[in-house]
């Protein structure tokens, strides 16, 4: 089934993922992760999207964002392209950093929203990056912040 054109996505809450090309590391170190989060925060503010959750893993990331679909497209283009440029400059790389364009799923209802929060939160534990009783430093949800 072909992907739905981005211009036809409804406004709302989006689960966004993107993966590095050929499963290479998307983040070499904590500086890269901090830089990505800084870009995400900056452009979410600029384009008027709200961050609900993120999880930065080794080769990919998960985001839960809310806003207009047109702004989402502009945000993701800016974040991914700026991050890739800075990554290549810092690590003497060249060419594509991301394997394909980002994937987006529209969150349809409250159950899917709860499931998406749980999935994003569990991802680093299931990947073996941290224990089930410890937080992953590169994951955050507004559910945790509100508690």
Foldseek 3Di string as FASTA:
>chain_A
DDDDPLVPDFFWKKKKKFFWAPQAFLDPDVVLLVVLVVLLVVLCVVLVKDWFKKAHDGTMIITIIGGGSVSVVVSQVRSLVVSQVVVCVVVVHDDGTTRDRMDMDHQDDDVSVVVSVVCRQCVCCVVVVDPPPDGDPSIDGVVVVVD
